[in-house]
Amino acid sequence: MRQFKIIVEKHPDGYVAHPLGLKGVMAGQGDTYEAALADVTSAIGFHIETFGLELMGVEPPILEAFIAEAGIKEM
C-alpha cells in the first residue's frame, strides 16, 4: 500500500482536499473533512488504475509537509 500526503482545506462552503507529489489535477471535495478525504482518495485510486503511477509523474516521496503563514504588508 502506498501512502500519499493530502492537504485538506476548510472553506466557508465545505472542504477541498488535494494530494502532494502527484502531477495532474486531482482534488476531492465534501461537506466534511472526512468526505473530502474520501473523495480525493477515490480520485487518486481512479487515476492510478487508469494511468498508472508512471504516467502520473510521481515525485520522490514527501517525508513531511508543513503549513506556514507569512504576513505581507499591503501596499
N, C-alpha and C. Protein backbone atom coordinates (compact mmCIF):
# COMPACT_ATOMS: atom_id res chain seq x y z
N MET A 1 0.85 -1.17 0.00
CA MET A 1 0.00 0.00 0.00
C MET A 1 0.90 1.24 0.00
N ARG A 2 0.63 2.15 -0.89
CA ARG A 2 1.40 3.38 -1.00
C ARG A 2 0.68 4.49 -0.24
N GLN A 3 1.42 5.28 0.49
CA GLN A 3 0.86 6.38 1.26
C GLN A 3 1.10 7.71 0.54
N PHE A 4 0.13 8.61 0.58
CA PHE A 4 0.25 9.94 0.00
C PHE A 4 -0.08 10.96 1.07
N LYS A 5 0.59 12.09 1.00
CA LYS A 5 0.27 13.21 1.87
C LYS A 5 -0.87 13.99 1.20
N ILE A 6 -1.86 14.37 1.99
CA ILE A 6 -3.04 15.07 1.48
C ILE A 6 -3.20 16.38 2.24
N ILE A 7 -3.42 17.45 1.51
CA ILE A 7 -3.76 18.74 2.12
C ILE A 7 -5.28 18.87 2.08
N VAL A 8 -5.88 19.18 3.22
CA VAL A 8 -7.32 19.39 3.29
C VAL A 8 -7.54 20.83 3.73
N GLU A 9 -8.26 21.58 2.91
CA GLU A 9 -8.54 22.99 3.19
C GLU A 9 -10.00 23.15 3.61
N LYS A 10 -10.22 23.98 4.63
CA LYS A 10 -11.59 24.28 5.05
C LYS A 10 -11.98 25.62 4.45
N HIS A 11 -13.10 25.62 3.73
CA HIS A 11 -13.64 26.82 3.10
C HIS A 11 -15.02 27.10 3.70
N PRO A 12 -15.56 28.29 3.50
CA PRO A 12 -16.89 28.59 4.05
C PRO A 12 -17.98 27.62 3.59
N ASP A 13 -17.83 27.07 2.38
CA ASP A 13 -18.88 26.19 1.85
C ASP A 13 -18.50 24.71 1.85
N GLY A 14 -17.44 24.33 2.56
CA GLY A 14 -17.06 22.92 2.64
C GLY A 14 -15.56 22.73 2.66
N TYR A 15 -15.12 21.54 2.31
CA TYR A 15 -13.71 21.17 2.36
C TYR A 15 -13.21 20.77 0.97
N VAL A 16 -11.94 21.05 0.71
CA VAL A 16 -11.29 20.66 -0.53
C VAL A 16 -10.00 19.95 -0.15
N ALA A 17 -9.70 18.83 -0.80
CA ALA A 17 -8.50 18.06 -0.50
C ALA A 17 -7.73 17.80 -1.78
N HIS A 18 -6.40 17.88 -1.69
CA HIS A 18 -5.57 17.54 -2.85
C HIS A 18 -4.28 16.89 -2.38
N PRO A 19 -3.78 15.92 -3.16
CA PRO A 19 -2.58 15.19 -2.77
C PRO A 19 -1.31 15.95 -3.13
N LEU A 20 -0.27 15.72 -2.37
CA LEU A 20 1.05 16.27 -2.67
C LEU A 20 1.87 15.23 -3.41
N GLY A 21 2.70 15.69 -4.34
CA GLY A 21 3.63 14.79 -5.01
C GLY A 21 3.09 14.07 -6.23
N LEU A 22 1.87 14.37 -6.62
CA LEU A 22 1.30 13.78 -7.83
C LEU A 22 1.06 14.87 -8.85
N LYS A 23 1.51 14.66 -10.05
CA LYS A 23 1.29 15.65 -11.10
C LYS A 23 -0.09 15.42 -11.72
N GLY A 24 -0.71 16.49 -12.14
CA GLY A 24 -2.05 16.40 -12.70
C GLY A 24 -3.05 17.02 -11.75
N VAL A 25 -4.24 17.17 -12.24
CA VAL A 25 -5.28 17.81 -11.43
C VAL A 25 -6.10 16.72 -10.75
N MET A 26 -5.99 16.68 -9.47
CA MET A 26 -6.79 15.76 -8.66
C MET A 26 -7.21 16.49 -7.42
N ALA A 27 -8.46 16.46 -7.12
CA ALA A 27 -8.97 17.09 -5.91
C ALA A 27 -10.21 16.36 -5.46
N GLY A 28 -10.49 16.48 -4.21
CA GLY A 28 -11.72 15.94 -3.66
C GLY A 28 -12.42 17.05 -2.90
N GLN A 29 -13.70 16.92 -2.76
CA GLN A 29 -14.44 17.93 -2.00
C GLN A 29 -15.56 17.25 -1.23
N GLY A 30 -16.04 17.95 -0.21
CA GLY A 30 -17.13 17.42 0.57
C GLY A 30 -17.58 18.41 1.62
N ASP A 31 -18.70 18.10 2.23
CA ASP A 31 -19.24 18.96 3.28
C ASP A 31 -18.46 18.80 4.59
N THR A 32 -17.73 17.68 4.72
CA THR A 32 -16.95 17.43 5.92
C THR A 32 -15.51 17.09 5.53
N TYR A 33 -14.61 17.18 6.50
CA TYR A 33 -13.22 16.80 6.32
C TYR A 33 -13.14 15.36 5.80
N GLU A 34 -13.87 14.48 6.45
CA GLU A 34 -13.84 13.06 6.11
C GLU A 34 -14.35 12.82 4.69
N ALA A 35 -15.39 13.54 4.30
CA ALA A 35 -15.95 13.37 2.95
C ALA A 35 -14.96 13.83 1.88
N ALA A 36 -14.29 14.94 2.12
CA ALA A 36 -13.30 15.44 1.16
C ALA A 36 -12.12 14.47 1.07
N LEU A 37 -11.68 13.95 2.19
CA LEU A 37 -10.58 12.98 2.20
C LEU A 37 -10.95 11.70 1.46
N ALA A 38 -12.15 11.22 1.68
CA ALA A 38 -12.62 10.01 0.98
C ALA A 38 -12.73 10.27 -0.52
N ASP A 39 -13.19 11.46 -0.90
CA ASP A 39 -13.34 11.80 -2.32
C ASP A 39 -11.99 11.86 -3.02
N VAL A 40 -11.00 12.50 -2.41
CA VAL A 40 -9.68 12.59 -3.05
C VAL A 40 -8.99 11.22 -3.06
N THR A 41 -9.20 10.42 -2.04
CA THR A 41 -8.63 9.07 -2.02
C THR A 41 -9.18 8.25 -3.19
N SER A 42 -10.47 8.37 -3.43
CA SER A 42 -11.09 7.69 -4.57
C SER A 42 -10.51 8.21 -5.89
N ALA A 43 -10.32 9.53 -5.99
CA ALA A 43 -9.76 10.12 -7.22
C ALA A 43 -8.34 9.63 -7.48
N ILE A 44 -7.53 9.54 -6.42
CA ILE A 44 -6.16 9.03 -6.58
C ILE A 44 -6.20 7.59 -7.08
N GLY A 45 -7.03 6.76 -6.47
CA GLY A 45 -7.15 5.37 -6.89
C GLY A 45 -7.58 5.24 -8.34
N PHE A 46 -8.54 6.05 -8.75
CA PHE A 46 -9.01 6.03 -10.14
C PHE A 46 -7.88 6.40 -11.09
N HIS A 47 -7.14 7.47 -10.79
CA HIS A 47 -6.06 7.91 -11.66
C HIS A 47 -4.94 6.87 -11.76
N ILE A 48 -4.60 6.26 -10.64
CA ILE A 48 -3.55 5.22 -10.66
C ILE A 48 -4.02 4.03 -11.48
N GLU A 49 -5.26 3.62 -11.28
CA GLU A 49 -5.80 2.49 -12.03
C GLU A 49 -5.86 2.80 -13.53
N THR A 50 -6.22 4.02 -13.87
CA THR A 50 -6.38 4.42 -15.27
C THR A 50 -5.05 4.68 -15.97
N PHE A 51 -4.17 5.46 -15.33
CA PHE A 51 -2.95 5.92 -15.98
C PHE A 51 -1.68 5.25 -15.48
N GLY A 52 -1.73 4.62 -14.32
CA GLY A 52 -0.53 4.04 -13.72
C GLY A 52 0.33 5.11 -13.07
N LEU A 53 1.11 4.72 -12.12
CA LEU A 53 1.97 5.68 -11.42
C LEU A 53 3.01 6.29 -12.35
N GLU A 54 3.46 5.54 -13.34
CA GLU A 54 4.50 6.02 -14.24
C GLU A 54 4.04 7.25 -15.02
N LEU A 55 2.80 7.25 -15.49
CA LEU A 55 2.29 8.36 -16.30
C LEU A 55 1.82 9.54 -15.46
N MET A 56 1.73 9.36 -14.15
CA MET A 56 1.26 10.43 -13.30
C MET A 56 2.40 11.32 -12.81
N GLY A 57 3.63 10.97 -13.13
CA GLY A 57 4.75 11.79 -12.72
C GLY A 57 4.91 11.86 -11.21
N VAL A 58 4.88 10.73 -10.56
CA VAL A 58 5.02 10.71 -9.10
C VAL A 58 6.42 11.14 -8.73
N GLU A 59 6.50 12.13 -7.88
CA GLU A 59 7.79 12.64 -7.44
C GLU A 59 8.32 11.75 -6.31
N PRO A 60 9.58 11.97 -5.92
CA PRO A 60 10.09 11.21 -4.77
C PRO A 60 9.16 11.41 -3.56
N PRO A 61 9.13 10.45 -2.66
CA PRO A 61 8.22 10.55 -1.52
C PRO A 61 8.43 11.83 -0.72
N ILE A 62 7.35 12.42 -0.29
CA ILE A 62 7.41 13.59 0.57
C ILE A 62 7.48 13.08 2.00
N LEU A 63 8.54 13.42 2.69
CA LEU A 63 8.73 12.92 4.04
C LEU A 63 7.87 13.65 5.06
N GLU A 64 7.76 14.97 4.92
CA GLU A 64 6.93 15.77 5.81
C GLU A 64 6.33 16.92 5.01
N ALA A 65 5.22 17.41 5.48
CA ALA A 65 4.59 18.59 4.87
C ALA A 65 4.28 19.58 5.99
N PHE A 66 4.50 20.84 5.72
CA PHE A 66 4.27 21.88 6.72
C PHE A 66 3.34 22.93 6.14
N ILE A 67 2.53 23.51 6.97
CA ILE A 67 1.69 24.64 6.59
C ILE A 67 2.22 25.83 7.39
N ALA A 68 2.49 26.92 6.71
CA ALA A 68 3.00 28.12 7.37
C ALA A 68 2.23 29.33 6.87
N GLU A 69 2.27 30.39 7.63
CA GLU A 69 1.67 31.65 7.23
C GLU A 69 2.75 32.71 7.16
N ALA A 70 2.62 33.61 6.21
CA ALA A 70 3.54 34.73 6.09
C ALA A 70 2.71 35.99 5.92
N GLY A 71 2.99 36.99 6.74
CA GLY A 71 2.27 38.25 6.62
C GLY A 71 2.97 39.14 5.60
N ILE A 72 2.19 39.68 4.69
CA ILE A 72 2.71 40.57 3.66
C ILE A 72 2.04 41.93 3.85
N LYS A 73 2.84 42.97 3.98
CA LYS A 73 2.32 44.31 4.16
C LYS A 73 1.63 44.77 2.88
N GLU A 74 0.40 45.23 3.04
CA GLU A 74 -0.35 45.72 1.88
C GLU A 74 0.24 47.04 1.42
N MET A 75 0.30 47.23 0.12
CA MET A 75 0.87 48.46 -0.45
C MET A 75 -0.21 49.49 -0.68
